[in-house]
Amino acid sequence: MGRKAVVRQDVSCPSCGSHHVVKCGRPLGRQRYLCRDCGKYFLGDATYHHHSRKLREEALKMYANGMSMRAISKVLNVPLGTVFTWIKRYGRQNYEKLVELWGKAKDLVKGSVFTKVVDEMWTYLYKNTRAFYKWIFACYVYTRLGVYLVYSVNDRDENTFRGVKKYVSDEGRWASDDYNLYFWLKDHTVISPVNPNESLHSSLRDRLVRFKRATKAVNGSISTMMYSIALVLWEKKLISEFVA
């Protein structure tokens, strides 16, 4: 039969409104609860502010058009942590949707791919006050149905490039710059400069403060980079109609 669900009429979840909540410890002497429906932890005596969907969408639009999280926080009078949570949450959702579309596109364009143009852009990852070079591999796949974009973020190596290749058909020729990583590709052509990748990179540096070469806004994780790029692609409507 299992244990009977606990339903408290005196306490409701600030996230989903459910009364299916249970006590879950007392950190610093304050009663904490766990919502069994959405999994959110919350404090019973805390005051939670609910922001409108319009405000969230405005914050994401501002972020995808060149404003830093701190600037958005000041302009909209929203806590910095809340802005970061929105960007991480909706950026992840957009990225996961992109990955799903890439998987569908690979099967959809079978027999119609004629060129795959790949290039990489560097940026920084800051960890424990140290800066590390990280790279964004972007690949435009040209097909008879249209063009779509795949990207991957990490080190400038084969593993990161595989993050692009697994969503790209083996058919068609490759076009890239003269970086030695691409020399082993079948049917490969060297071109310089690489376009439209350079245009995409310039757009990312222009629209995302954390990708500018000189900025106080820094990347703290690979996921932040991937999610931020996804937000820009959806905002700029760079998701091909035949894929989406």
Protein backbone atom coordinates (compact mmCIF):
# COMPACT_ATOMS: atom_id res chain seq x y z
CA MET A 1 0.00 0.00 0.00
CA GLY A 2 2.87 2.36 0.81
CA ARG A 3 2.90 5.35 3.13
CA LYS A 4 -0.03 7.74 2.92
CA ALA A 5 0.80 11.08 1.29
CA VAL A 6 1.29 13.94 3.74
CA VAL A 7 -0.94 16.91 2.93
CA ARG A 8 -0.53 20.03 5.10
CA GLN A 9 -3.20 22.70 4.80
CA ASP A 10 -1.12 25.18 6.84
CA VAL A 11 1.91 25.12 4.52
CA SER A 12 2.13 25.33 0.72
CA CYS A 13 5.08 25.21 -1.67
CA PRO A 14 6.06 28.71 -2.90
CA SER A 15 7.10 27.24 -6.25
CA CYS A 16 4.11 25.11 -7.33
CA GLY A 17 1.51 25.82 -4.62
CA SER A 18 1.23 22.16 -3.58
CA HIS A 19 0.30 21.20 0.00
CA HIS A 20 2.05 17.85 -0.39
CA VAL A 21 5.03 18.93 1.76
CA VAL A 22 7.03 17.35 4.58
CA LYS A 23 9.36 18.69 7.25
CA CYS A 24 13.03 18.40 6.28
CA GLY A 25 15.33 19.58 9.07
CA ARG A 26 15.89 22.87 10.89
CA PRO A 27 19.01 24.63 9.52
CA LEU A 28 20.00 27.48 11.85
CA GLY A 29 16.87 26.81 13.89
CA ARG A 30 14.41 27.55 11.05
CA GLN A 31 11.98 24.86 9.92
CA ARG A 32 12.68 23.65 6.38
CA TYR A 33 10.20 21.80 4.18
CA LEU A 34 10.41 19.65 1.05
CA CYS A 35 7.73 19.71 -1.64
CA ARG A 36 6.98 16.15 -2.75
CA ASP A 37 5.49 17.34 -6.03
CA CYS A 38 8.21 19.61 -7.47
CA GLY A 39 11.17 18.74 -5.21
CA LYS A 40 11.78 22.31 -4.00
CA TYR A 41 13.19 22.95 -0.51
CA PHE A 42 11.89 26.04 1.26
CA LEU A 43 11.77 27.71 4.67
CA GLY A 44 8.40 27.99 6.34
CA ASP A 45 8.98 31.51 7.69
CA ALA A 46 10.62 32.97 4.57
CA THR A 47 9.01 35.51 2.24
CA TYR A 48 9.14 34.46 -1.43
CA HIS A 49 8.69 36.90 -4.30
CA HIS A 50 7.06 35.73 -7.51
CA HIS A 51 8.23 37.46 -10.67
CA SER A 52 6.06 37.64 -13.74
CA ARG A 53 6.80 35.71 -16.90
CA LYS A 54 7.09 39.00 -18.77
CA LEU A 55 9.86 40.14 -16.41
CA ARG A 56 11.77 36.87 -16.85
CA GLU A 57 11.50 37.09 -20.63
CA GLU A 58 12.70 40.69 -20.55
CA ALA A 59 15.72 39.71 -18.46
CA LEU A 60 16.64 36.91 -20.88
CA LYS A 61 16.24 39.22 -23.87
CA MET A 62 18.48 41.83 -22.25
CA TYR A 63 21.11 39.17 -21.51
CA ALA A 64 21.05 37.84 -25.08
CA ASN A 65 21.51 41.39 -26.39
CA GLY A 66 24.69 42.35 -24.57
CA MET A 67 23.81 43.25 -20.96
CA SER A 68 25.59 41.65 -18.03
CA MET A 69 23.71 39.87 -15.25
CA ARG A 70 24.69 42.59 -12.79
CA ALA A 71 23.37 45.34 -15.09
CA ILE A 72 20.09 43.44 -15.61
CA SER A 73 19.77 43.07 -11.84
CA LYS A 74 20.09 46.82 -11.35
CA VAL A 75 17.80 47.85 -14.21
CA LEU A 76 14.98 45.43 -13.32
CA ASN A 77 15.52 45.70 -9.55
CA VAL A 78 15.81 41.93 -9.25
CA PRO A 79 18.40 40.11 -7.07
CA LEU A 80 21.54 39.10 -8.98
CA GLY A 81 21.11 35.49 -7.85
CA THR A 82 17.61 35.45 -9.33
CA VAL A 83 18.88 36.68 -12.71
CA PHE A 84 21.58 34.01 -12.69
CA THR A 85 18.98 31.33 -11.86
CA TRP A 86 16.76 32.43 -14.75
CA ILE A 87 19.64 32.36 -17.24
CA LYS A 88 20.85 28.98 -16.06
CA ARG A 89 17.35 27.44 -15.98
CA TYR A 90 16.04 28.73 -19.31
CA GLY A 91 19.44 28.49 -20.98
CA ARG A 92 19.56 24.81 -20.04
CA GLN A 93 16.05 24.25 -21.36
CA ASN A 94 16.93 25.93 -24.67
CA TYR A 95 20.17 23.96 -24.95
CA GLU A 96 18.45 20.63 -24.25
CA LYS A 97 15.87 21.49 -26.91
CA LEU A 98 18.70 22.26 -29.34
CA VAL A 99 20.35 18.89 -28.67
CA GLU A 100 17.04 17.18 -29.35
CA LEU A 101 16.68 19.10 -32.63
CA TRP A 102 20.24 18.23 -33.70
CA GLY A 103 19.49 14.54 -33.25
CA LYS A 104 16.36 14.84 -35.39
CA ALA A 105 18.11 16.96 -38.03
CA LYS A 106 20.87 14.39 -38.54
CA ASP A 107 18.29 11.83 -39.64
CA LEU A 108 16.15 14.37 -41.49
CA VAL A 109 18.95 15.54 -43.82
CA LYS A 110 20.32 12.12 -44.79
CA GLY A 111 21.19 12.14 -48.48
CA SER A 112 21.05 15.93 -48.78
CA VAL A 113 24.22 17.22 -47.02
CA PHE A 114 26.83 18.78 -49.32
CA THR A 115 29.08 20.98 -47.08
CA LYS A 116 29.98 21.26 -43.37
CA VAL A 117 31.87 24.44 -42.42
CA VAL A 118 33.60 24.27 -39.02
CA ASP A 119 35.67 26.77 -37.04
CA GLU A 120 36.50 27.44 -33.38
CA MET A 121 36.52 30.53 -31.13
CA TRP A 122 38.45 30.95 -27.88
CA THR A 123 37.23 32.34 -24.58
CA TYR A 124 38.19 32.08 -20.91
CA LEU A 125 37.08 29.85 -18.04
CA TYR A 126 37.93 31.17 -14.57
CA LYS A 127 38.39 28.62 -11.78
CA ASN A 128 39.98 29.38 -8.40
CA THR A 129 41.33 32.74 -9.67
CA ARG A 130 43.03 31.00 -12.62
CA ALA A 131 42.12 31.53 -16.26
CA PHE A 132 41.93 28.65 -18.74
CA TYR A 133 41.45 28.83 -22.50
CA LYS A 134 38.26 27.15 -23.69
CA TRP A 135 37.00 26.82 -27.24
CA ILE A 136 33.64 26.98 -28.97
CA PHE A 137 33.47 24.68 -32.00
CA ALA A 138 30.72 25.80 -34.37
CA CYS A 139 29.70 23.92 -37.50
CA TYR A 140 27.28 25.11 -40.19
CA VAL A 141 25.73 22.14 -42.02
CA TYR A 142 24.59 23.02 -45.54
CA THR A 143 21.88 20.75 -46.94
CA ARG A 144 19.33 20.84 -49.73
CA LEU A 145 16.67 21.44 -47.05
CA GLY A 146 18.51 24.41 -45.53
CA VAL A 147 21.31 25.28 -43.11
CA TYR A 148 21.57 24.42 -39.44
CA LEU A 149 24.18 25.09 -36.76
CA VAL A 150 25.78 22.71 -34.23
CA TYR A 151 28.23 23.74 -31.51
CA SER A 152 30.28 22.24 -28.68
CA VAL A 153 32.32 23.87 -25.89
CA ASN A 154 35.46 22.70 -24.07
CA ASP A 155 39.15 22.25 -24.86
CA ARG A 156 40.58 22.68 -28.35
CA ASP A 157 40.84 18.96 -29.00
CA GLU A 158 39.28 15.93 -30.66
CA ASN A 159 36.86 15.26 -27.78
CA THR A 160 35.19 18.66 -28.14
CA PHE A 161 35.08 18.33 -31.92
CA ARG A 162 33.35 14.96 -31.46
CA GLY A 163 30.57 16.87 -29.69
CA VAL A 164 29.88 18.47 -33.07
CA LYS A 165 30.55 15.46 -35.31
CA LYS A 166 28.05 13.18 -33.56
CA TYR A 167 25.20 15.43 -34.72
CA VAL A 168 26.52 15.79 -38.26
CA SER A 169 26.13 13.33 -41.11
CA ASP A 170 29.26 11.66 -42.54
CA GLU A 171 28.26 12.64 -46.07
CA GLY A 172 29.35 15.87 -47.75
CA ARG A 173 32.69 17.68 -47.73
CA TRP A 174 34.30 19.47 -44.78
CA ALA A 175 35.55 23.07 -45.00
CA SER A 176 37.69 24.70 -42.31
CA ASP A 177 40.82 26.73 -41.61
CA ASP A 178 44.26 25.12 -41.47
CA TYR A 179 44.10 23.93 -37.85
CA ASN A 180 45.69 20.46 -37.80
CA LEU A 181 42.75 18.85 -36.01
CA TYR A 182 40.77 18.96 -39.26
CA PHE A 183 43.41 17.49 -41.55
CA TRP A 184 42.26 13.94 -40.83
CA LEU A 185 38.75 14.60 -42.04
CA LYS A 186 37.59 12.83 -45.18
CA ASP A 187 37.02 15.08 -48.19
CA HIS A 188 38.44 18.16 -46.46
CA THR A 189 39.03 21.62 -47.97
CA VAL A 190 40.99 24.46 -46.34
CA ILE A 191 39.44 27.90 -46.69
CA SER A 192 40.35 31.25 -45.10
CA PRO A 193 38.68 33.19 -43.64
CA VAL A 194 35.98 30.79 -42.51
CA ASN A 195 32.46 32.18 -43.02
CA PRO A 196 29.77 32.41 -41.77
CA ASN A 197 31.46 31.13 -38.59
CA GLU A 198 33.44 34.35 -38.15
CA SER A 199 30.19 36.30 -38.29
CA LEU A 200 28.72 34.04 -35.59
CA HIS A 201 31.77 34.47 -33.36
CA SER A 202 31.65 38.24 -33.72
CA SER A 203 27.96 38.19 -32.84
CA LEU A 204 28.59 36.09 -29.72
CA ARG A 205 31.34 38.45 -28.55
CA ASP A 206 29.09 41.42 -29.22
CA ARG A 207 25.95 40.01 -27.59
CA LEU A 208 27.42 38.11 -24.62
CA VAL A 209 29.47 40.14 -22.16
CA ARG A 210 31.18 37.01 -20.87
CA PHE A 211 32.65 36.29 -24.32
CA LYS A 212 34.23 39.70 -24.86
CA ARG A 213 38.03 39.71 -24.84
CA ALA A 214 38.22 42.32 -22.06
CA THR A 215 35.42 42.04 -19.52
CA LYS A 216 34.69 41.71 -15.82
CA ALA A 217 31.94 39.17 -16.52
CA VAL A 218 33.66 35.79 -16.56
CA ASN A 219 32.70 32.20 -17.30
CA GLY A 220 32.63 30.01 -14.22
CA SER A 221 31.60 26.80 -15.96
CA ILE A 222 31.33 25.11 -19.35
CA SER A 223 27.57 24.81 -18.90
CA THR A 224 27.25 28.62 -18.51
CA MET A 225 28.88 29.04 -21.93
CA MET A 226 26.68 26.41 -23.62
CA TYR A 227 23.45 27.76 -22.11
CA SER A 228 24.34 31.38 -22.95
CA ILE A 229 24.96 30.52 -26.60
CA ALA A 230 21.63 28.69 -26.76
CA LEU A 231 19.83 31.79 -25.46
CA VAL A 232 21.44 33.93 -28.17
CA LEU A 233 20.58 31.49 -30.96
CA TRP A 234 16.91 31.42 -29.99
CA GLU A 235 16.81 35.19 -29.46
CA LYS A 236 18.39 35.87 -32.86
CA LYS A 237 16.15 33.25 -34.48
CA LEU A 238 19.16 31.34 -35.82
CA ILE A 239 17.35 28.01 -35.46
CA SER A 240 16.48 26.87 -38.99
CA GLU A 241 12.76 26.44 -39.60
CA PHE A 242 13.13 23.02 -41.19
CA VAL A 243 14.89 21.81 -38.02
CA ALA A 244 12.68 23.55 -35.43
